[in-house]
PDB file of N, CA and C in Angstrom:
ATOM      1  N   MET A   1      -8.535  12.405  13.692  1.00  0.00           N
ATOM      2  CA  MET A   1      -7.537  11.827  12.825  1.00  0.00           C
ATOM      3  C   MET A   1      -6.742  12.975  12.156  1.00  0.00           C
ATOM      4  N   ARG A   2      -5.451  12.901  12.173  1.00  0.00           N
ATOM      5  CA  ARG A   2      -4.606  13.945  11.631  1.00  0.00           C
ATOM      6  C   ARG A   2      -4.655  14.001  10.065  1.00  0.00           C
ATOM      7  N   LYS A   3      -4.721  15.161   9.571  1.00  0.00           N
ATOM      8  CA  LYS A   3      -4.740  15.386   8.113  1.00  0.00           C
ATOM      9  C   LYS A   3      -3.548  14.786   7.403  1.00  0.00           C
ATOM     10  N   SER A   4      -2.309  14.976   8.088  1.00  0.00           N
ATOM     11  CA  SER A   4      -1.201  14.249   7.422  1.00  0.00           C
ATOM     12  C   SER A   4      -1.300  12.852   7.305  1.00  0.00           C
ATOM     13  N   ALA A   5      -1.901  12.165   8.314  1.00  0.00           N
ATOM     14  CA  ALA A   5      -2.059  10.795   8.262  1.00  0.00           C
ATOM     15  C   ALA A   5      -2.981  10.445   7.124  1.00  0.00           C
ATOM     16  N   LEU A   6      -4.084  11.130   6.937  1.00  0.00           N
ATOM     17  CA  LEU A   6      -5.052  10.882   5.865  1.00  0.00           C
ATOM     18  C   LEU A   6      -4.369  11.148   4.539  1.00  0.00           C
ATOM     19  N   PHE A   7      -3.499  12.093   4.477  1.00  0.00           N
ATOM     20  CA  PHE A   7      -2.809  12.353   3.149  1.00  0.00           C
ATOM     21  C   PHE A   7      -1.916  11.166   2.763  1.00  0.00           C
ATOM     22  N   LYS A   8      -1.139  10.670   3.774  1.00  0.00           N
ATOM     23  CA  LYS A   8      -0.347   9.548   3.548  1.00  0.00           C
ATOM     24  C   LYS A   8      -1.145   8.298   3.140  1.00  0.00           C
ATOM     25  N   SER A   9      -2.235   7.997   3.828  1.00  0.00           N
ATOM     26  CA  SER A   9      -3.114   7.007   3.592  1.00  0.00           C
ATOM     27  C   SER A   9      -3.621   7.079   2.149  1.00  0.00           C
ATOM     28  N   ALA A  10      -4.140   8.270   1.784  1.00  0.00           N
ATOM     29  CA  ALA A  10      -4.610   8.459   0.427  1.00  0.00           C
ATOM     30  C   ALA A  10      -3.508   8.074  -0.632  1.00  0.00           C
ATOM     31  N   ARG A  11      -2.284   8.328  -0.447  1.00  0.00           N
ATOM     32  CA  ARG A  11      -1.203   7.917  -1.364  1.00  0.00           C
ATOM     33  C   ARG A  11      -1.107   6.392  -1.361  1.00  0.00           C
ATOM     34  N   VAL A  12      -1.190   5.799  -0.184  1.00  0.00           N
ATOM     35  CA  VAL A  12      -1.077   4.282  -0.123  1.00  0.00           C
ATOM     36  C   VAL A  12      -2.250   3.757  -0.987  1.00  0.00           C
ATOM     37  N   PHE A  13      -3.453   4.201  -0.626  1.00  0.00           N
ATOM     38  CA  PHE A  13      -4.665   3.604  -1.466  1.00  0.00           C
ATOM     39  C   PHE A  13      -4.557   3.880  -2.925  1.00  0.00           C
ATOM     40  N   ALA A  14      -4.083   5.055  -3.295  1.00  0.00           N
ATOM     41  CA  ALA A  14      -3.920   5.347  -4.666  1.00  0.00           C
ATOM     42  C   ALA A  14      -2.909   4.455  -5.330  1.00  0.00           C
ATOM     43  N   ALA A  15      -1.748   4.206  -4.674  1.00  0.00           N
ATOM     44  CA  ALA A  15      -0.686   3.333  -5.149  1.00  0.00           C
ATOM     45  C   ALA A  15      -1.267   1.867  -5.340  1.00  0.00           C
ATOM     46  N   LEU A  16      -2.045   1.473  -4.360  1.00  0.00           N
ATOM     47  CA  LEU A  16      -2.505   0.120  -4.392  1.00  0.00           C
ATOM     48  C   LEU A  16      -3.859  -0.117  -5.319  1.00  0.00           C
ATOM     49  N   SER A  17      -4.309   1.017  -5.798  1.00  0.00           N
ATOM     50  CA  SER A  17      -5.450   0.920  -6.759  1.00  0.00           C
ATOM     51  C   SER A  17      -5.135   0.303  -8.005  1.00  0.00           C
ATOM     52  N   ASP A  18      -3.770   0.221  -8.420  1.00  0.00           N
ATOM     53  CA  ASP A  18      -3.430  -0.348  -9.686  1.00  0.00           C
ATOM     54  C   ASP A  18      -3.174  -1.805  -9.460  1.00  0.00           C
ATOM     55  N   GLU A  19      -3.718  -2.680 -10.334  1.00  0.00           N
ATOM     56  CA  GLU A  19      -3.634  -4.097 -10.235  1.00  0.00           C
ATOM     57  C   GLU A  19      -2.239  -4.671 -10.241  1.00  0.00           C
ATOM     58  N   THR A  20      -1.446  -4.091 -11.036  1.00  0.00           N
ATOM     59  CA  THR A  20      -0.034  -4.448 -11.232  1.00  0.00           C
ATOM     60  C   THR A  20       0.725  -4.120  -9.897  1.00  0.00           C
ATOM     61  N   ARG A  21       0.493  -2.905  -9.417  1.00  0.00           N
ATOM     62  CA  ARG A  21       1.212  -2.548  -8.106  1.00  0.00           C
ATOM     63  C   ARG A  21       0.775  -3.406  -6.972  1.00  0.00           C
ATOM     64  N   LEU A  22      -0.444  -3.758  -6.892  1.00  0.00           N
ATOM     65  CA  LEU A  22      -0.990  -4.597  -5.902  1.00  0.00           C
ATOM     66  C   LEU A  22      -0.377  -6.051  -6.008  1.00  0.00           C
ATOM     67  N   ARG A  23      -0.330  -6.528  -7.280  1.00  0.00           N
ATOM     68  CA  ARG A  23       0.427  -7.902  -7.409  1.00  0.00           C
ATOM     69  C   ARG A  23       1.879  -7.731  -7.014  1.00  0.00           C
ATOM     70  N   LEU A  24       2.472  -6.614  -7.266  1.00  0.00           N
ATOM     71  CA  LEU A  24       3.913  -6.582  -6.800  1.00  0.00           C
ATOM     72  C   LEU A  24       4.062  -6.605  -5.276  1.00  0.00           C
ATOM     73  N   VAL A  25       3.164  -5.861  -4.725  1.00  0.00           N
ATOM     74  CA  VAL A  25       3.171  -5.901  -3.180  1.00  0.00           C
ATOM     75  C   VAL A  25       2.861  -7.313  -2.701  1.00  0.00           C
ATOM     76  N   VAL A  26       1.914  -7.940  -3.194  1.00  0.00           N
ATOM     77  CA  VAL A  26       1.656  -9.273  -2.754  1.00  0.00           C
ATOM     78  C   VAL A  26       2.877 -10.275  -2.956  1.00  0.00           C
ATOM     79  N   ALA A  27       3.474 -10.106  -4.118  1.00  0.00           N
ATOM     80  CA  ALA A  27       4.678 -10.894  -4.394  1.00  0.00           C
ATOM     81  C   ALA A  27       5.838 -10.588  -3.422  1.00  0.00           C
ATOM     82  N   LEU A  28       6.044  -9.364  -3.141  1.00  0.00           N
ATOM     83  CA  LEU A  28       7.095  -8.923  -2.149  1.00  0.00           C
ATOM     84  C   LEU A  28       6.665  -9.380  -0.727  1.00  0.00           C
ATOM     85  N   CYS A  29       5.447  -9.444  -0.348  1.00  0.00           N
ATOM     86  CA  CYS A  29       5.089  -9.888   0.922  1.00  0.00           C
ATOM     87  C   CYS A  29       5.300 -11.409   1.147  1.00  0.00           C
ATOM     88  N   ALA A  30       4.942 -12.078   0.006  1.00  0.00           N
ATOM     89  CA  ALA A  30       5.099 -13.670   0.000  1.00  0.00           C
ATOM     90  C   ALA A  30       6.532 -14.029  -0.146  1.00  0.00           C
ATOM     91  N   GLY A  31       7.367 -13.275  -1.033  1.00  0.00           N
ATOM     92  CA  GLY A  31       8.708 -13.826  -1.424  1.00  0.00           C
ATOM     93  C   GLY A  31       9.819 -13.102  -0.716  1.00  0.00           C
ATOM     94  N   GLY A  32       9.599 -12.075   0.094  1.00  0.00           N
ATOM     95  CA  GLY A  32      10.619 -11.257   0.603  1.00  0.00           C
ATOM     96  C   GLY A  32      11.342 -10.385  -0.404  1.00  0.00           C
ATOM     97  N   ALA A  33      12.580  -9.920  -0.220  1.00  0.00           N
ATOM     98  CA  ALA A  33      13.196  -9.003  -1.155  1.00  0.00           C
ATOM     99  C   ALA A  33      13.461  -9.762  -2.522  1.00  0.00           C
ATOM    100  N   MET A  34      13.118  -8.921  -3.619  1.00  0.00           N
ATOM    101  CA  MET A  34      13.259  -9.449  -4.898  1.00  0.00           C
ATOM    102  C   MET A  34      13.842  -8.510  -5.867  1.00  0.00           C
ATOM    103  N   SER A  35      14.537  -8.990  -6.852  1.00  0.00           N
ATOM    104  CA  SER A  35      15.015  -8.194  -7.960  1.00  0.00           C
ATOM    105  C   SER A  35      13.939  -7.952  -8.951  1.00  0.00           C
ATOM    106  N   ILE A  36      14.280  -6.934  -9.782  1.00  0.00           N
ATOM    107  CA  ILE A  36      13.340  -6.638 -10.991  1.00  0.00           C
ATOM    108  C   ILE A  36      13.187  -7.928 -11.807  1.00  0.00           C
ATOM    109  N   ALA A  37      14.223  -8.659 -12.101  1.00  0.00           N
ATOM    110  CA  ALA A  37      14.199  -9.848 -12.943  1.00  0.00           C
ATOM    111  C   ALA A  37      13.253 -10.833 -12.208  1.00  0.00           C
ATOM    112  N   GLN A  38      13.303 -10.999 -10.973  1.00  0.00           N
ATOM    113  CA  GLN A  38      12.433 -11.954 -10.215  1.00  0.00           C
ATOM    114  C   GLN A  38      11.015 -11.452 -10.299  1.00  0.00           C
ATOM    115  N   LEU A  39      10.757 -10.216 -10.152  1.00  0.00           N
ATOM    116  CA  LEU A  39       9.434  -9.707 -10.158  1.00  0.00           C
ATOM    117  C   LEU A  39       8.829  -9.726 -11.554  1.00  0.00           C
ATOM    118  N   THR A  40       9.554  -9.834 -12.553  1.00  0.00           N
ATOM    119  CA  THR A  40       8.977  -9.840 -13.956  1.00  0.00           C
ATOM    120  C   THR A  40       9.000 -11.205 -14.477  1.00  0.00           C
ATOM    121  N   GLY A  41       9.694 -12.145 -13.855  1.00  0.00           N
ATOM    122  CA  GLY A  41       9.732 -13.530 -14.303  1.00  0.00           C
ATOM    123  C   GLY A  41       8.350 -14.115 -14.468  1.00  0.00           C
ATOM    124  N   GLY A  42       8.006 -14.701 -15.506  1.00  0.00           N
ATOM    125  CA  GLY A  42       6.807 -15.381 -15.785  1.00  0.00           C
ATOM    126  C   GLY A  42       5.606 -14.364 -16.079  1.00  0.00           C
ATOM    127  N   THR A  43       5.989 -13.137 -16.339  1.00  0.00           N
ATOM    128  CA  THR A  43       4.875 -12.114 -16.625  1.00  0.00           C
ATOM    129  C   THR A  43       5.182 -11.558 -18.045  1.00  0.00           C
ATOM    130  N   ASP A  44       4.167 -10.906 -18.500  1.00  0.00           N
ATOM    131  CA  ASP A  44       4.329 -10.240 -19.819  1.00  0.00           C
ATOM    132  C   ASP A  44       4.657  -8.705 -19.573  1.00  0.00           C
ATOM    133  N   ILE A  45       4.930  -8.330 -18.356  1.00  0.00           N
ATOM    134  CA  ILE A  45       5.229  -6.869 -18.103  1.00  0.00           C
ATOM    135  C   ILE A  45       6.739  -6.615 -18.223  1.00  0.00           C
ATOM    136  N   SER A  46       7.135  -5.566 -18.734  1.00  0.00           N
ATOM    137  CA  SER A  46       8.463  -5.265 -19.021  1.00  0.00           C
ATOM    138  C   SER A  46       9.125  -4.763 -17.648  1.00  0.00           C
ATOM    139  N   ARG A  47      10.506  -4.892 -17.691  1.00  0.00           N
ATOM    140  CA  ARG A  47      11.228  -4.453 -16.414  1.00  0.00           C
ATOM    141  C   ARG A  47      11.054  -2.944 -16.230  1.00  0.00           C
ATOM    142  N   GLN A  48      10.998  -2.127 -17.316  1.00  0.00           N
ATOM    143  CA  GLN A  48      10.746  -0.763 -17.241  1.00  0.00           C
ATOM    144  C   GLN A  48       9.507  -0.484 -16.571  1.00  0.00           C
ATOM    145  N   ALA A  49       8.454  -1.089 -16.954  1.00  0.00           N
ATOM    146  CA  ALA A  49       7.095  -0.912 -16.397  1.00  0.00           C
ATOM    147  C   ALA A  49       7.083  -1.359 -14.912  1.00  0.00           C
ATOM    148  N   VAL A  50       7.795  -2.394 -14.519  1.00  0.00           N
ATOM    149  CA  VAL A  50       7.777  -2.755 -13.143  1.00  0.00           C
ATOM    150  C   VAL A  50       8.638  -1.747 -12.315  1.00  0.00           C
ATOM    151  N   THR A  51       9.662  -1.147 -12.962  1.00  0.00           N
ATOM    152  CA  THR A  51      10.515  -0.156 -12.298  1.00  0.00           C
ATOM    153  C   THR A  51       9.600   1.018 -12.033  1.00  0.00           C
ATOM    154  N   LYS A  52       8.877   1.424 -12.978  1.00  0.00           N
ATOM    155  CA  LYS A  52       7.896   2.607 -12.688  1.00  0.00           C
ATOM    156  C   LYS A  52       6.862   2.362 -11.736  1.00  0.00           C
ATOM    157  N   HIS A  53       6.346   1.121 -11.694  1.00  0.00           N
ATOM    158  CA  HIS A  53       5.358   0.829 -10.579  1.00  0.00           C
ATOM    159  C   HIS A  53       5.992   0.792  -9.212  1.00  0.00           C
ATOM    160  N   LEU A  54       7.217   0.260  -9.172  1.00  0.00           N
ATOM    161  CA  LEU A  54       7.948   0.292  -7.906  1.00  0.00           C
ATOM    162  C   LEU A  54       8.214   1.585  -7.463  1.00  0.00           C
ATOM    163  N   GLN A  55       8.593   2.543  -8.299  1.00  0.00           N
ATOM    164  CA  GLN A  55       8.788   3.969  -7.855  1.00  0.00           C
ATOM    165  C   GLN A  55       7.470   4.575  -7.249  1.00  0.00           C
ATOM    166  N   VAL A  56       6.372   4.305  -7.815  1.00  0.00           N
ATOM    167  CA  VAL A  56       5.127   4.686  -7.307  1.00  0.00           C
ATOM    168  C   VAL A  56       4.897   4.125  -5.856  1.00  0.00           C
ATOM    169  N   LEU A  57       5.108   2.940  -5.612  1.00  0.00           N
ATOM    170  CA  LEU A  57       4.979   2.250  -4.422  1.00  0.00           C
ATOM    171  C   LEU A  57       5.985   2.753  -3.435  1.00  0.00           C
ATOM    172  N   ALA A  58       7.169   3.135  -3.900  1.00  0.00           N
ATOM    173  CA  ALA A  58       8.250   3.628  -3.027  1.00  0.00           C
ATOM    174  C   ALA A  58       7.792   5.047  -2.591  1.00  0.00           C
ATOM    175  N   GLU A  59       7.272   5.808  -3.432  1.00  0.00           N
ATOM    176  CA  GLU A  59       6.806   7.164  -3.035  1.00  0.00           C
ATOM    177  C   GLU A  59       5.708   7.185  -2.024  1.00  0.00           C
ATOM    178  N   ALA A  60       4.916   6.043  -2.085  1.00  0.00           N
ATOM    179  CA  ALA A  60       3.848   5.833  -1.085  1.00  0.00           C
ATOM    180  C   ALA A  60       4.339   5.220   0.176  1.00  0.00           C
ATOM    181  N   GLY A  61       5.645   4.949   0.198  1.00  0.00           N
ATOM    182  CA  GLY A  61       6.187   4.270   1.400  1.00  0.00           C
ATOM    183  C   GLY A  61       5.958   2.777   1.622  1.00  0.00           C
ATOM    184  N   LEU A  62       5.433   2.128   0.506  1.00  0.00           N
ATOM    185  CA  LEU A  62       5.124   0.731   0.628  1.00  0.00           C
ATOM    186  C   LEU A  62       6.319  -0.193   0.282  1.00  0.00           C
ATOM    187  N   VAL A  63       7.297   0.261  -0.467  1.00  0.00           N
ATOM    188  CA  VAL A  63       8.437  -0.520  -0.718  1.00  0.00           C
ATOM    189  C   VAL A  63       9.705   0.265  -0.596  1.00  0.00           C
ATOM    190  N   ARG A  64      10.807  -0.465  -0.478  1.00  0.00           N
ATOM    191  CA  ARG A  64      12.089   0.351  -0.584  1.00  0.00           C
ATOM    192  C   ARG A  64      13.048  -0.580  -1.255  1.00  0.00           C
ATOM    193  N   ASP A  65      14.148   0.069  -1.674  1.00  0.00           N
ATOM    194  CA  ASP A  65      15.102  -0.699  -2.487  1.00  0.00           C
ATOM    195  C   ASP A  65      16.411  -0.833  -1.662  1.00  0.00           C
ATOM    196  N   LEU A  66      17.067  -1.979  -1.883  1.00  0.00           N
ATOM    197  CA  LEU A  66      18.333  -2.271  -1.115  1.00  0.00           C
ATOM    198  C   LEU A  66      19.326  -2.588  -2.218  1.00  0.00           C
ATOM    199  N   LYS A  67      20.579  -2.313  -1.953  1.00  0.00           N
ATOM    200  CA  LYS A  67      21.747  -2.713  -2.836  1.00  0.00           C
ATOM    201  C   LYS A  67      22.304  -3.997  -2.298  1.00  0.00           C
ATOM    202  N   ALA A  68      22.355  -4.912  -3.203  1.00  0.00           N
ATOM    203  CA  ALA A  68      23.004  -6.277  -2.911  1.00  0.00           C
ATOM    204  C   ALA A  68      23.972  -6.494  -3.863  1.00  0.00           C
ATOM    205  N   GLY A  69      25.214  -5.936  -3.629  1.00  0.00           N
ATOM    206  CA  GLY A  69      26.328  -6.122  -4.622  1.00  0.00           C
ATOM    207  C   GLY A  69      25.957  -5.120  -5.822  1.00  0.00           C
ATOM    208  N   ARG A  70      25.858  -5.664  -7.036  1.00  0.00           N
ATOM    209  CA  ARG A  70      25.463  -4.922  -8.149  1.00  0.00           C
ATOM    210  C   ARG A  70      23.959  -4.958  -8.425  1.00  0.00           C
ATOM    211  N   GLU A  71      23.323  -5.709  -7.667  1.00  0.00           N
ATOM    212  CA  GLU A  71      21.963  -5.828  -7.935  1.00  0.00           C
ATOM    213  C   GLU A  71      21.074  -4.948  -6.901  1.00  0.00           C
ATOM    214  N   ARG A  72      19.926  -4.647  -7.338  1.00  0.00           N
ATOM    215  CA  ARG A  72      19.089  -3.695  -6.594  1.00  0.00           C
ATOM    216  C   ARG A  72      17.761  -4.689  -6.274  1.00  0.00           C
ATOM    217  N   LEU A  73      17.600  -4.839  -4.939  1.00  0.00           N
ATOM    218  CA  LEU A  73      16.543  -5.611  -4.476  1.00  0.00           C
ATOM    219  C   LEU A  73      15.457  -4.722  -3.902  1.00  0.00           C
ATOM    220  N   TRP A  74      14.141  -5.157  -4.067  1.00  0.00           N
ATOM    221  CA  TRP A  74      13.019  -4.417  -3.588  1.00  0.00           C
ATOM    222  C   TRP A  74      12.336  -5.218  -2.401  1.00  0.00           C
ATOM    223  N   GLU A  75      11.965  -4.539  -1.319  1.00  0.00           N
ATOM    224  CA  GLU A  75      11.273  -5.181  -0.323  1.00  0.00           C
ATOM    225  C   GLU A  75      10.141  -4.443   0.195  1.00  0.00           C
ATOM    226  N   PHE A  76       9.061  -5.243   0.706  1.00  0.00           N
ATOM    227  CA  PHE A  76       7.855  -4.554   1.234  1.00  0.00           C
ATOM    228  C   PHE A  76       8.165  -3.842   2.578  1.00  0.00           C
ATOM    229  N   GLU A  77       7.518  -2.679   2.727  1.00  0.00           N
ATOM    230  CA  GLU A  77       7.869  -1.837   3.936  1.00  0.00           C
ATOM    231  C   GLU A  77       6.326  -1.663   4.508  1.00  0.00           C
ATOM    232  N   PRO A  78       6.091  -2.294   5.626  1.00  0.00           N
ATOM    233  CA  PRO A  78       4.702  -2.438   6.171  1.00  0.00           C
ATOM    234  C   PRO A  78       4.222  -1.192   6.937  1.00  0.00           C
ATOM    235  N   ALA A  79       5.074  -0.298   7.304  1.00  0.00           N
ATOM    236  CA  ALA A  79       4.630   0.830   8.180  1.00  0.00           C
ATOM    237  C   ALA A  79       3.558   1.732   7.520  1.00  0.00           C
ATOM    238  N   GLN A  80       3.565   1.989   6.307  1.00  0.00           N
ATOM    239  CA  GLN A  80       2.593   2.904   5.704  1.00  0.00           C
ATOM    240  C   GLN A  80       1.302   2.152   5.628  1.00  0.00           C
ATOM    241  N   LEU A  81       1.353   0.926   5.297  1.00  0.00           N
ATOM    242  CA  LEU A  81       0.091   0.056   5.208  1.00  0.00           C
ATOM    243  C   LEU A  81      -0.609  -0.052   6.520  1.00  0.00           C
ATOM    244  N   ASP A  82       0.229  -0.155   7.573  1.00  0.00           N
ATOM    245  CA  ASP A  82      -0.355  -0.182   8.887  1.00  0.00           C
ATOM    246  C   ASP A  82      -0.946   1.090   9.238  1.00  0.00           C
ATOM    247  N   GLU A  83      -0.296   2.200   8.869  1.00  0.00           N
ATOM    248  CA  GLU A  83      -0.888   3.531   9.108  1.00  0.00           C
ATOM    249  C   GLU A  83      -2.272   3.626   8.364  1.00  0.00           C
ATOM    250  N   ALA A  84      -2.366   3.283   7.121  1.00  0.00           N
ATOM    251  CA  ALA A  84      -3.553   3.321   6.354  1.00  0.00           C
ATOM    252  C   ALA A  84      -4.671   2.514   7.012  1.00  0.00           C
ATOM    253  N   ARG A  85      -4.305   1.408   7.494  1.00  0.00           N
ATOM    254  CA  ARG A  85      -5.286   0.507   8.195  1.00  0.00           C
ATOM    255  C   ARG A  85      -5.734   1.217   9.422  1.00  0.00           C
ATOM    256  N   ARG A  86      -4.968   1.882  10.195  1.00  0.00           N
ATOM    257  CA  ARG A  86      -5.453   2.670  11.375  1.00  0.00           C
ATOM    258  C   ARG A  86      -6.397   3.770  10.941  1.00  0.00           C
ATOM    259  N   SER A  87      -6.033   4.430   9.816  1.00  0.00           N
ATOM    260  CA  SER A  87      -7.055   5.451   9.366  1.00  0.00           C
ATOM    261  C   SER A  87      -8.363   4.892   8.984  1.00  0.00           C
ATOM    262  N   LEU A  88      -8.405   3.756   8.300  1.00  0.00           N
ATOM    263  CA  LEU A  88      -9.615   2.999   7.975  1.00  0.00           C
ATOM    264  C   LEU A  88     -10.348   2.699   9.236  1.00  0.00           C
ATOM    265  N   ASP A  89      -9.641   2.222  10.217  1.00  0.00           N
ATOM    266  CA  ASP A  89     -10.210   1.798  11.522  1.00  0.00           C
ATOM    267  C   ASP A  89     -10.885   3.156  12.170  1.00  0.00           C
ATOM    268  N   ALA A  90     -10.163   4.220  12.080  1.00  0.00           N
ATOM    269  CA  ALA A  90     -10.776   5.482  12.644  1.00  0.00           C
ATOM    270  C   ALA A  90     -11.931   5.944  11.870  1.00  0.00           C
ATOM    271  N   ILE A  91     -11.993   5.844  10.661  1.00  0.00           N
ATOM    272  CA  ILE A  91     -13.205   6.172   9.882  1.00  0.00           C
ATOM    273  C   ILE A  91     -14.264   5.198  10.169  1.00  0.00           C
ATOM    274  N   SER A  92     -14.062   4.018  10.346  1.00  0.00           N
ATOM    275  CA  SER A  92     -15.099   2.949  10.630  1.00  0.00           C
ATOM    276  C   SER A  92     -15.666   3.229  11.985  1.00  0.00           C
ATOM    277  N   GLN A  93     -14.861   3.650  12.925  1.00  0.00           N
ATOM    278  CA  GLN A  93     -15.404   3.937  14.328  1.00  0.00           C
ATOM    279  C   GLN A  93     -16.300   5.269  14.250  1.00  0.00           C
ATOM    280  N   GLN A  94     -15.968   6.249  13.368  1.00  0.00           N
ATOM    281  CA  GLN A  94     -16.712   7.389  13.269  1.00  0.00           C
ATOM    282  C   GLN A  94     -18.049   7.077  12.670  1.00  0.00           C
ATOM    283  N   TRP A  95     -18.056   6.178  11.655  1.00  0.00           N
ATOM    284  CA  TRP A  95     -19.252   5.811  11.084  1.00  0.00           C
ATOM    285  C   TRP A  95     -20.234   4.957  12.028  1.00  0.00           C
ATOM    286  N   ASP A  96     -19.598   4.122  12.817  1.00  0.00           N
ATOM    287  CA  ASP A  96     -20.262   3.350  13.786  1.00  0.00           C
ATOM    288  C   ASP A  96     -20.997   4.276  14.787  1.00  0.00           C
ATOM    289  N   GLN A  97     -20.191   5.316  15.271  1.00  0.00           N
ATOM    290  CA  GLN A  97     -20.818   6.264  16.262  1.00  0.00           C
ATOM    291  C   GLN A  97     -21.934   6.987  15.561  1.00  0.00           C
ATOM    292  N   ALA A  98     -21.749   7.396  14.339  1.00  0.00           N
ATOM    293  CA  ALA A  98     -22.854   8.210  13.691  1.00  0.00           C
ATOM    294  C   ALA A  98     -24.053   7.296  13.406  1.00  0.00           C
ATOM    295  N   LEU A  99     -23.921   6.067  13.101  1.00  0.00           N
ATOM    296  CA  LEU A  99     -25.118   5.185  12.928  1.00  0.00           C
ATOM    297  C   LEU A  99     -25.720   4.946  14.281  1.00  0.00           C
ATOM    298  N   LEU A 100     -25.060   4.900  15.433  1.00  0.00           N
ATOM    299  CA  LEU A 100     -25.655   4.675  16.649  1.00  0.00           C
ATOM    300  C   LEU A 100     -26.434   6.088  17.086  1.00  0.00           C
ATOM    301  N   ARG A 101     -25.942   7.162  16.813  1.00  0.00           N
ATOM    302  CA  ARG A 101     -26.664   8.362  17.077  1.00  0.00           C
ATOM    303  C   ARG A 101     -27.940   8.465  16.250  1.00  0.00           C
ATOM    304  N   LEU A 102     -27.845   8.016  14.949  1.00  0.00           N
ATOM    305  CA  LEU A 102     -29.029   8.030  14.045  1.00  0.00           C
ATOM    306  C   LEU A 102     -30.106   7.093  14.624  1.00  0.00           C
ATOM    307  N   LYS A 103     -29.610   5.810  15.034  1.00  0.00           N
ATOM    308  CA  LYS A 103     -30.503   4.806  15.482  1.00  0.00           C
ATOM    309  C   LYS A 103     -31.208   5.365  16.745  1.00  0.00           C
ATOM    310  N   SER A 104     -30.479   6.023  17.633  1.00  0.00           N
ATOM    311  CA  SER A 104     -31.027   6.622  18.893  1.00  0.00           C
ATOM    312  C   SER A 104     -32.022   7.624  18.574  1.00  0.00           C
ATOM    313  N   PHE A 105     -31.817   8.546  17.629  1.00  0.00           N
ATOM    314  CA  PHE A 105     -32.636   9.577  17.136  1.00  0.00           C
ATOM    315  C   PHE A 105     -33.940   9.000  16.618  1.00  0.00           C
ATOM    316  N   VAL A 106     -33.804   7.993  15.746  1.00  0.00           N
ATOM    317  CA  VAL A 106     -34.972   7.402  15.098  1.00  0.00           C
ATOM    318  C   VAL A 106     -35.828   6.666  16.178  1.00  0.00           C
ATOM    319  N   GLU A 107     -35.205   5.981  17.014  1.00  0.00           N
ATOM    320  CA  GLU A 107     -35.923   5.298  18.119  1.00  0.00           C
ATOM    321  C   GLU A 107     -36.648   6.217  19.153  1.00  0.00           C
ATOM    322  N   ASP A 108     -36.235   7.380  19.256  1.00  0.00           N
ATOM    323  CA  ASP A 108     -36.764   8.319  20.261  1.00  0.00           C
ATOM    324  C   ASP A 108     -37.943   9.034  19.709  1.00  0.00           C
TER     325      ASP A 108
END
């Protein structure tokens, strides 16, 4: 597994470790591109706070902003999450192999 892929995955996991950011990603996955007003509607979080959270998600490559006239819309960008999943799969395979070696050693 490449170190650069692990570094990118670490940024994704760090960004998703915050409950508010995770909720934003879930909302964008379910609702498509949304404005700050739509993302803050029905919540007690300020637009400024949502904007800061979206910037963290954008730096991790999980969301991107689009201009729609005078409005700025945010949408989910799945590529980095897919890369993070592949990193987890690779780590899981390494653990499976290590456990098989341990089992073989113990049984011999």
